Amino acid sequence: MALATDGLHGDAQHIVKLLAEQKVSHSVFVPSLLDQLLEELDGRQLPALKLIIACGEPLKEGTIRGCLAGLPKTELVKLYGPTEG
């Protein structure tokens, strides 16, 4: 298990570094942070990352496309909560 440093859980640069250094294979993000991570990666790969779970916010088509293009070997799963449509 890898946890972001206190106060940096929303810092895309910190999260990308953590994912790469700790070789994280599964992670959970709100879609707005996932958008920031994809932008921060800027074409770099995270070979250990096999699964991203997106939850807590609506998942936009652009984010899905960004994941497919930017992290083609990573599965993206959307979990819906009781207040999400």
PDB file of N, CA and C in Angstrom:
ATOM      1  N   MET A   1       0.838  -1.157   0.000  1.00  0.00           N
ATOM      2  CA  MET A   1       0.000   0.000   0.000  1.00  0.00           C
ATOM      3  C   MET A   1       0.890   1.229   0.000  1.00  0.00           C
ATOM      4  N   ALA A   2       0.542   2.193  -0.835  1.00  0.00           N
ATOM      5  CA  ALA A   2       1.274   3.455  -0.916  1.00  0.00           C
ATOM      6  C   ALA A   2       0.304   4.589  -0.627  1.00  0.00           C
ATOM      7  N   LEU A   3       0.685   5.473   0.266  1.00  0.00           N
ATOM      8  CA  LEU A   3      -0.150   6.611   0.627  1.00  0.00           C
ATOM      9  C   LEU A   3       0.586   7.900   0.300  1.00  0.00           C
ATOM     10  N   ALA A   4      -0.160   8.860  -0.219  1.00  0.00           N
ATOM     11  CA  ALA A   4       0.420  10.170  -0.506  1.00  0.00           C
ATOM     12  C   ALA A   4       0.809  10.856   0.797  1.00  0.00           C
ATOM     13  N   THR A   5       1.824  11.686   0.716  1.00  0.00           N
ATOM     14  CA  THR A   5       2.253  12.490   1.850  1.00  0.00           C
ATOM     15  C   THR A   5       1.110  13.412   2.270  1.00  0.00           C
ATOM     16  N   ASP A   6       0.945  13.604   3.576  1.00  0.00           N
ATOM     17  CA  ASP A   6      -0.097  14.505   4.082  1.00  0.00           C
ATOM     18  C   ASP A   6      -0.046  15.838   3.345  1.00  0.00           C
ATOM     19  N   GLY A   7      -1.209  16.276   2.915  1.00  0.00           N
ATOM     20  CA  GLY A   7      -1.318  17.554   2.226  1.00  0.00           C
ATOM     21  C   GLY A   7      -1.015  17.495   0.741  1.00  0.00           C
ATOM     22  N   LEU A   8      -0.546  16.353   0.243  1.00  0.00           N
ATOM     23  CA  LEU A   8      -0.204  16.232  -1.180  1.00  0.00           C
ATOM     24  C   LEU A   8      -1.095  15.229  -1.917  1.00  0.00           C
ATOM     25  N   HIS A   9      -2.173  14.810  -1.289  1.00  0.00           N
ATOM     26  CA  HIS A   9      -3.034  13.797  -1.919  1.00  0.00           C
ATOM     27  C   HIS A   9      -3.720  14.302  -3.189  1.00  0.00           C
ATOM     28  N   GLY A  10      -3.761  15.607  -3.404  1.00  0.00           N
ATOM     29  CA  GLY A  10      -4.344  16.153  -4.621  1.00  0.00           C
ATOM     30  C   GLY A  10      -3.314  16.721  -5.575  1.00  0.00           C
ATOM     31  N   ASP A  11      -2.038  16.490  -5.299  1.00  0.00           N
ATOM     32  CA  ASP A  11      -0.941  17.012  -6.111  1.00  0.00           C
ATOM     33  C   ASP A  11      -0.570  15.966  -7.164  1.00  0.00           C
ATOM     34  N   ALA A  12      -0.934  16.235  -8.414  1.00  0.00           N
ATOM     35  CA  ALA A  12      -0.732  15.256  -9.485  1.00  0.00           C
ATOM     36  C   ALA A  12       0.737  14.876  -9.657  1.00  0.00           C
ATOM     37  N   GLN A  13       1.623  15.834  -9.541  1.00  0.00           N
ATOM     38  CA  GLN A  13       3.053  15.530  -9.698  1.00  0.00           C
ATOM     39  C   GLN A  13       3.519  14.560  -8.610  1.00  0.00           C
ATOM     40  N   HIS A  14       3.095  14.790  -7.376  1.00  0.00           N
ATOM     41  CA  HIS A  14       3.455  13.908  -6.264  1.00  0.00           C
ATOM     42  C   HIS A  14       2.868  12.505  -6.473  1.00  0.00           C
ATOM     43  N   ILE A  15       1.619  12.450  -6.903  1.00  0.00           N
ATOM     44  CA  ILE A  15       0.952  11.152  -7.090  1.00  0.00           C
ATOM     45  C   ILE A  15       1.631  10.353  -8.200  1.00  0.00           C
ATOM     46  N   VAL A  16       1.953  11.000  -9.318  1.00  0.00           N
ATOM     47  CA  VAL A  16       2.626  10.300 -10.420  1.00  0.00           C
ATOM     48  C   VAL A  16       3.975   9.752  -9.947  1.00  0.00           C
ATOM     49  N   LYS A  17       4.723  10.563  -9.203  1.00  0.00           N
ATOM     50  CA  LYS A  17       6.016  10.105  -8.680  1.00  0.00           C
ATOM     51  C   LYS A  17       5.825   8.910  -7.747  1.00  0.00           C
ATOM     52  N   LEU A  18       4.830   8.984  -6.875  1.00  0.00           N
ATOM     53  CA  LEU A  18       4.534   7.896  -5.943  1.00  0.00           C
ATOM     54  C   LEU A  18       4.138   6.617  -6.694  1.00  0.00           C
ATOM     55  N   LEU A  19       3.269   6.743  -7.684  1.00  0.00           N
ATOM     56  CA  LEU A  19       2.839   5.584  -8.463  1.00  0.00           C
ATOM     57  C   LEU A  19       4.030   4.905  -9.137  1.00  0.00           C
ATOM     58  N   ALA A  20       4.921   5.711  -9.699  1.00  0.00           N
ATOM     59  CA  ALA A  20       6.085   5.159 -10.399  1.00  0.00           C
ATOM     60  C   ALA A  20       7.087   4.542  -9.431  1.00  0.00           C
ATOM     61  N   GLU A  21       7.445   5.271  -8.383  1.00  0.00           N
ATOM     62  CA  GLU A  21       8.464   4.782  -7.454  1.00  0.00           C
ATOM     63  C   GLU A  21       8.024   3.545  -6.684  1.00  0.00           C
ATOM     64  N   GLN A  22       6.763   3.507  -6.286  1.00  0.00           N
ATOM     65  CA  GLN A  22       6.250   2.390  -5.497  1.00  0.00           C
ATOM     66  C   GLN A  22       5.696   1.253  -6.360  1.00  0.00           C
ATOM     67  N   LYS A  23       5.735   1.444  -7.679  1.00  0.00           N
ATOM     68  CA  LYS A  23       5.224   0.439  -8.625  1.00  0.00           C
ATOM     69  C   LYS A  23       3.800   0.006  -8.252  1.00  0.00           C
ATOM     70  N   VAL A  24       2.954   0.992  -8.050  1.00  0.00           N
ATOM     71  CA  VAL A  24       1.558   0.759  -7.665  1.00  0.00           C
ATOM     72  C   VAL A  24       0.838   0.060  -8.815  1.00  0.00           C
ATOM     73  N   SER A  25       0.091  -0.993  -8.486  1.00  0.00           N
ATOM     74  CA  SER A  25      -0.618  -1.758  -9.512  1.00  0.00           C
ATOM     75  C   SER A  25      -2.109  -1.442  -9.573  1.00  0.00           C
ATOM     76  N   HIS A  26      -2.699  -0.985  -8.471  1.00  0.00           N
ATOM     77  CA  HIS A  26      -4.128  -0.672  -8.405  1.00  0.00           C
ATOM     78  C   HIS A  26      -4.309   0.644  -7.663  1.00  0.00           C
ATOM     79  N   SER A  27      -5.196   1.494  -8.175  1.00  0.00           N
ATOM     80  CA  SER A  27      -5.404   2.775  -7.507  1.00  0.00           C
ATOM     81  C   SER A  27      -6.834   3.262  -7.707  1.00  0.00           C
ATOM     82  N   VAL A  28      -7.264   4.148  -6.813  1.00  0.00           N
ATOM     83  CA  VAL A  28      -8.607   4.726  -6.848  1.00  0.00           C
ATOM     84  C   VAL A  28      -8.457   6.246  -6.935  1.00  0.00           C
ATOM     85  N   PHE A  29      -9.159   6.849  -7.889  1.00  0.00           N
ATOM     86  CA  PHE A  29      -9.116   8.301  -8.073  1.00  0.00           C
ATOM     87  C   PHE A  29     -10.498   8.850  -8.350  1.00  0.00           C
ATOM     88  N   VAL A  30     -10.726  10.089  -7.948  1.00  0.00           N
ATOM     89  CA  VAL A  30     -11.880  10.816  -8.476  1.00  0.00           C
ATOM     90  C   VAL A  30     -11.485  11.246  -9.890  1.00  0.00           C
ATOM     91  N   PRO A  31     -12.448  11.290 -10.807  1.00  0.00           N
ATOM     92  CA  PRO A  31     -12.111  11.613 -12.199  1.00  0.00           C
ATOM     93  C   PRO A  31     -11.375  12.939 -12.392  1.00  0.00           C
ATOM     94  N   SER A  32     -11.667  13.957 -11.590  1.00  0.00           N
ATOM     95  CA  SER A  32     -10.969  15.234 -11.763  1.00  0.00           C
ATOM     96  C   SER A  32      -9.469  15.093 -11.468  1.00  0.00           C
ATOM     97  N   LEU A  33      -9.094  14.286 -10.486  1.00  0.00           N
ATOM     98  CA  LEU A  33      -7.681  14.036 -10.216  1.00  0.00           C
ATOM     99  C   LEU A  33      -7.078  13.153 -11.305  1.00  0.00           C
ATOM    100  N   LEU A  34      -7.847  12.219 -11.801  1.00  0.00           N
ATOM    101  CA  LEU A  34      -7.367  11.369 -12.890  1.00  0.00           C
ATOM    102  C   LEU A  34      -7.021  12.217 -14.113  1.00  0.00           C
ATOM    103  N   ASP A  35      -7.835  13.221 -14.421  1.00  0.00           N
ATOM    104  CA  ASP A  35      -7.522  14.140 -15.526  1.00  0.00           C
ATOM    105  C   ASP A  35      -6.171  14.821 -15.293  1.00  0.00           C
ATOM    106  N   GLN A  36      -5.943  15.279 -14.077  1.00  0.00           N
ATOM    107  CA  GLN A  36      -4.680  15.946 -13.750  1.00  0.00           C
ATOM    108  C   GLN A  36      -3.500  14.985 -13.876  1.00  0.00           C
ATOM    109  N   LEU A  37      -3.707  13.730 -13.451  1.00  0.00           N
ATOM    110  CA  LEU A  37      -2.631  12.729 -13.546  1.00  0.00           C
ATOM    111  C   LEU A  37      -2.266  12.457 -14.999  1.00  0.00           C
ATOM    112  N   LEU A  38      -3.282  12.330 -15.839  1.00  0.00           N
ATOM    113  CA  LEU A  38      -3.026  12.076 -17.261  1.00  0.00           C
ATOM    114  C   LEU A  38      -2.257  13.234 -17.880  1.00  0.00           C
ATOM    115  N   GLU A  39      -2.609  14.449 -17.495  1.00  0.00           N
ATOM    116  CA  GLU A  39      -1.885  15.621 -17.987  1.00  0.00           C
ATOM    117  C   GLU A  39      -0.441  15.615 -17.486  1.00  0.00           C
ATOM    118  N   GLU A  40      -0.254  15.286 -16.225  1.00  0.00           N
ATOM    119  CA  GLU A  40       1.089  15.245 -15.635  1.00  0.00           C
ATOM    120  C   GLU A  40       1.946  14.163 -16.296  1.00  0.00           C
ATOM    121  N   LEU A  41       1.352  13.028 -16.616  1.00  0.00           N
ATOM    122  CA  LEU A  41       2.105  11.942 -17.257  1.00  0.00           C
ATOM    123  C   LEU A  41       2.633  12.363 -18.623  1.00  0.00           C
ATOM    124  N   ASP A  42       1.820  13.110 -19.361  1.00  0.00           N
ATOM    125  CA  ASP A  42       2.230  13.647 -20.655  1.00  0.00           C
ATOM    126  C   ASP A  42       2.903  12.593 -21.538  1.00  0.00           C
ATOM    127  N   GLY A  43       2.249  11.452 -21.669  1.00  0.00           N
ATOM    128  CA  GLY A  43       2.764  10.389 -22.532  1.00  0.00           C
ATOM    129  C   GLY A  43       3.663   9.377 -21.848  1.00  0.00           C
ATOM    130  N   ARG A  44       4.145   9.690 -20.639  1.00  0.00           N
ATOM    131  CA  ARG A  44       4.955   8.703 -19.908  1.00  0.00           C
ATOM    132  C   ARG A  44       4.054   7.567 -19.460  1.00  0.00           C
ATOM    133  N   GLN A  45       4.608   6.396 -19.298  1.00  0.00           N
ATOM    134  CA  GLN A  45       3.847   5.214 -18.903  1.00  0.00           C
ATOM    135  C   GLN A  45       4.082   4.860 -17.442  1.00  0.00           C
ATOM    136  N   LEU A  46       3.136   4.159 -16.883  1.00  0.00           N
ATOM    137  CA  LEU A  46       3.253   3.562 -15.548  1.00  0.00           C
ATOM    138  C   LEU A  46       3.046   2.060 -15.734  1.00  0.00           C
ATOM    139  N   PRO A  47       4.098   1.334 -16.089  1.00  0.00           N
ATOM    140  CA  PRO A  47       3.952  -0.070 -16.460  1.00  0.00           C
ATOM    141  C   PRO A  47       3.363  -0.957 -15.373  1.00  0.00           C
ATOM    142  N   ALA A  48       3.557  -0.622 -14.114  1.00  0.00           N
ATOM    143  CA  ALA A  48       3.021  -1.455 -13.028  1.00  0.00           C
ATOM    144  C   ALA A  48       1.530  -1.238 -12.804  1.00  0.00           C
ATOM    145  N   LEU A  49       1.000  -0.107 -13.267  1.00  0.00           N
ATOM    146  CA  LEU A  49      -0.400   0.235 -13.001  1.00  0.00           C
ATOM    147  C   LEU A  49      -1.323  -0.577 -13.901  1.00  0.00           C
ATOM    148  N   LYS A  50      -2.029  -1.519 -13.304  1.00  0.00           N
ATOM    149  CA  LYS A  50      -2.904  -2.429 -14.052  1.00  0.00           C
ATOM    150  C   LYS A  50      -4.377  -2.035 -13.979  1.00  0.00           C
ATOM    151  N   LEU A  51      -4.787  -1.339 -12.893  1.00  0.00           N
ATOM    152  CA  LEU A  51      -6.203  -1.030 -12.690  1.00  0.00           C
ATOM    153  C   LEU A  51      -6.376   0.331 -12.038  1.00  0.00           C
ATOM    154  N   ILE A  52      -7.241   1.144 -12.626  1.00  0.00           N
ATOM    155  CA  ILE A  52      -7.665   2.404 -12.016  1.00  0.00           C
ATOM    156  C   ILE A  52      -9.165   2.304 -11.784  1.00  0.00           C
ATOM    157  N   ILE A  53      -9.574   2.606 -10.559  1.00  0.00           N
ATOM    158  CA  ILE A  53     -10.993   2.694 -10.231  1.00  0.00           C
ATOM    159  C   ILE A  53     -11.318   4.173 -10.103  1.00  0.00           C
ATOM    160  N   ALA A  54     -12.293   4.622 -10.876  1.00  0.00           N
ATOM    161  CA  ALA A  54     -12.744   6.009 -10.828  1.00  0.00           C
ATOM    162  C   ALA A  54     -14.086   6.045 -10.110  1.00  0.00           C
ATOM    163  N   CYS A  55     -14.200   6.929  -9.125  1.00  0.00           N
ATOM    164  CA  CYS A  55     -15.453   7.010  -8.368  1.00  0.00           C
ATOM    165  C   CYS A  55     -15.584   8.386  -7.725  1.00  0.00           C
ATOM    166  N   GLY A  56     -16.801   8.696  -7.262  1.00  0.00           N
ATOM    167  CA  GLY A  56     -17.030   9.920  -6.506  1.00  0.00           C
ATOM    168  C   GLY A  56     -17.470  11.108  -7.323  1.00  0.00           C
ATOM    169  N   GLU A  57     -17.312  11.039  -8.628  1.00  0.00           N
ATOM    170  CA  GLU A  57     -17.710  12.108  -9.542  1.00  0.00           C
ATOM    171  C   GLU A  57     -18.120  11.466 -10.870  1.00  0.00           C
ATOM    172  N   PRO A  58     -18.857  12.207 -11.685  1.00  0.00           N
ATOM    173  CA  PRO A  58     -19.140  11.689 -13.032  1.00  0.00           C
ATOM    174  C   PRO A  58     -17.835  11.499 -13.813  1.00  0.00           C
ATOM    175  N   LEU A  59     -17.776  10.445 -14.584  1.00  0.00           N
ATOM    176  CA  LEU A  59     -16.603  10.144 -15.406  1.00  0.00           C
ATOM    177  C   LEU A  59     -16.898  10.612 -16.826  1.00  0.00           C
ATOM    178  N   LYS A  60     -16.158  11.614 -17.275  1.00  0.00           N
ATOM    179  CA  LYS A  60     -16.399  12.213 -18.586  1.00  0.00           C
ATOM    180  C   LYS A  60     -15.778  11.372 -19.691  1.00  0.00           C
ATOM    181  N   GLU A  61     -16.379  11.478 -20.864  1.00  0.00           N
ATOM    182  CA  GLU A  61     -15.879  10.735 -22.019  1.00  0.00           C
ATOM    183  C   GLU A  61     -14.425  11.098 -22.319  1.00  0.00           C
ATOM    184  N   GLY A  62     -14.071  12.367 -22.145  1.00  0.00           N
ATOM    185  CA  GLY A  62     -12.695  12.798 -22.404  1.00  0.00           C
ATOM    186  C   GLY A  62     -11.692  12.130 -21.481  1.00  0.00           C
ATOM    187  N   THR A  63     -12.096  11.885 -20.239  1.00  0.00           N
ATOM    188  CA  THR A  63     -11.217  11.200 -19.289  1.00  0.00           C
ATOM    189  C   THR A  63     -11.027   9.744 -19.700  1.00  0.00           C
ATOM    190  N   ILE A  64     -12.109   9.123 -20.123  1.00  0.00           N
ATOM    191  CA  ILE A  64     -12.029   7.734 -20.604  1.00  0.00           C
ATOM    192  C   ILE A  64     -11.082   7.651 -21.801  1.00  0.00           C
ATOM    193  N   ARG A  65     -11.270   8.552 -22.743  1.00  0.00           N
ATOM    194  CA  ARG A  65     -10.398   8.560 -23.935  1.00  0.00           C
ATOM    195  C   ARG A  65      -8.945   8.834 -23.554  1.00  0.00           C
ATOM    196  N   GLY A  66      -8.745   9.725 -22.597  1.00  0.00           N
ATOM    197  CA  GLY A  66      -7.393  10.030 -22.125  1.00  0.00           C
ATOM    198  C   GLY A  66      -6.721   8.817 -21.513  1.00  0.00           C
ATOM    199  N   CYS A  67      -7.486   8.031 -20.758  1.00  0.00           N
ATOM    200  CA  CYS A  67      -6.938   6.799 -20.164  1.00  0.00           C
ATOM    201  C   CYS A  67      -6.603   5.778 -21.235  1.00  0.00           C
ATOM    202  N   LEU A  68      -7.501   5.610 -22.179  1.00  0.00           N
ATOM    203  CA  LEU A  68      -7.255   4.635 -23.248  1.00  0.00           C
ATOM    204  C   LEU A  68      -6.011   5.006 -24.054  1.00  0.00           C
ATOM    205  N   ALA A  69      -5.838   6.289 -24.307  1.00  0.00           N
ATOM    206  CA  ALA A  69      -4.677   6.744 -25.091  1.00  0.00           C
ATOM    207  C   ALA A  69      -3.408   6.805 -24.244  1.00  0.00           C
ATOM    208  N   GLY A  70      -3.518   7.326 -23.031  1.00  0.00           N
ATOM    209  CA  GLY A  70      -2.341   7.564 -22.209  1.00  0.00           C
ATOM    210  C   GLY A  70      -1.850   6.379 -21.410  1.00  0.00           C
ATOM    211  N   LEU A  71      -2.789   5.503 -21.041  1.00  0.00           N
ATOM    212  CA  LEU A  71      -2.444   4.311 -20.248  1.00  0.00           C
ATOM    213  C   LEU A  71      -3.123   3.089 -20.880  1.00  0.00           C
ATOM    214  N   PRO A  72      -2.708   2.736 -22.089  1.00  0.00           N
ATOM    215  CA  PRO A  72      -3.418   1.695 -22.835  1.00  0.00           C
ATOM    216  C   PRO A  72      -3.404   0.303 -22.200  1.00  0.00           C
ATOM    217  N   LYS A  73      -2.469   0.044 -21.309  1.00  0.00           N
ATOM    218  CA  LYS A  73      -2.400  -1.281 -20.679  1.00  0.00           C
ATOM    219  C   LYS A  73      -3.039  -1.292 -19.297  1.00  0.00           C
ATOM    220  N   THR A  74      -3.700  -0.194 -18.934  1.00  0.00           N
ATOM    221  CA  THR A  74      -4.336  -0.074 -17.626  1.00  0.00           C
ATOM    222  C   THR A  74      -5.851  -0.146 -17.785  1.00  0.00           C
ATOM    223  N   GLU A  75      -6.468  -1.029 -17.029  1.00  0.00           N
ATOM    224  CA  GLU A  75      -7.928  -1.158 -17.063  1.00  0.00           C
ATOM    225  C   GLU A  75      -8.546  -0.028 -16.244  1.00  0.00           C
ATOM    226  N   LEU A  76      -9.624   0.560 -16.774  1.00  0.00           N
ATOM    227  CA  LEU A  76     -10.343   1.627 -16.091  1.00  0.00           C
ATOM    228  C   LEU A  76     -11.733   1.114 -15.724  1.00  0.00           C
ATOM    229  N   VAL A  77     -12.071   1.213 -14.439  1.00  0.00           N
ATOM    230  CA  VAL A  77     -13.375   0.768 -13.944  1.00  0.00           C
ATOM    231  C   VAL A  77     -14.053   1.946 -13.273  1.00  0.00           C
ATOM    232  N   LYS A  78     -15.320   2.163 -13.586  1.00  0.00           N
ATOM    233  CA  LYS A  78     -16.102   3.223 -12.952  1.00  0.00           C
ATOM    234  C   LYS A  78     -17.021   2.607 -11.924  1.00  0.00           C
ATOM    235  N   LEU A  79     -16.907   3.056 -10.670  1.00  0.00           N
ATOM    236  CA  LEU A  79     -17.821   2.636  -9.619  1.00  0.00           C
ATOM    237  C   LEU A  79     -18.831   3.747  -9.406  1.00  0.00           C
ATOM    238  N   TYR A  80     -20.096   3.393  -9.434  1.00  0.00           N
ATOM    239  CA  TYR A  80     -21.153   4.370  -9.252  1.00  0.00           C
ATOM    240  C   TYR A  80     -21.660   4.294  -7.815  1.00  0.00           C
ATOM    241  N   GLY A  81     -21.845   5.463  -7.234  1.00  0.00           N
ATOM    242  CA  GLY A  81     -22.437   5.548  -5.901  1.00  0.00           C
ATOM    243  C   GLY A  81     -23.908   5.876  -6.016  1.00  0.00           C
ATOM    244  N   PRO A  82     -24.614   5.908  -4.888  1.00  0.00           N
ATOM    245  CA  PRO A  82     -26.060   6.113  -4.891  1.00  0.00           C
ATOM    246  C   PRO A  82     -26.485   7.486  -5.389  1.00  0.00           C
ATOM    247  N   THR A  83     -25.577   8.472  -5.414  1.00  0.00           N
ATOM    248  CA  THR A  83     -25.956   9.820  -5.864  1.00  0.00           C
ATOM    249  C   THR A  83     -25.476  10.115  -7.289  1.00  0.00           C
ATOM    250  N   GLU A  84     -24.823   9.160  -7.916  1.00  0.00           N
ATOM    251  CA  GLU A  84     -24.303   9.386  -9.251  1.00  0.00           C
ATOM    252  C   GLU A  84     -25.268   8.864 -10.293  1.00  0.00           C
ATOM    253  N   GLY A  85     -25.330   9.591 -11.416  1.00  0.00           N
ATOM    254  CA  GLY A  85     -26.210   9.194 -12.506  1.00  0.00           C
ATOM    255  C   GLY A  85     -25.464   8.600 -13.646  1.00  0.00           C
TER     256      GLY A  85
END
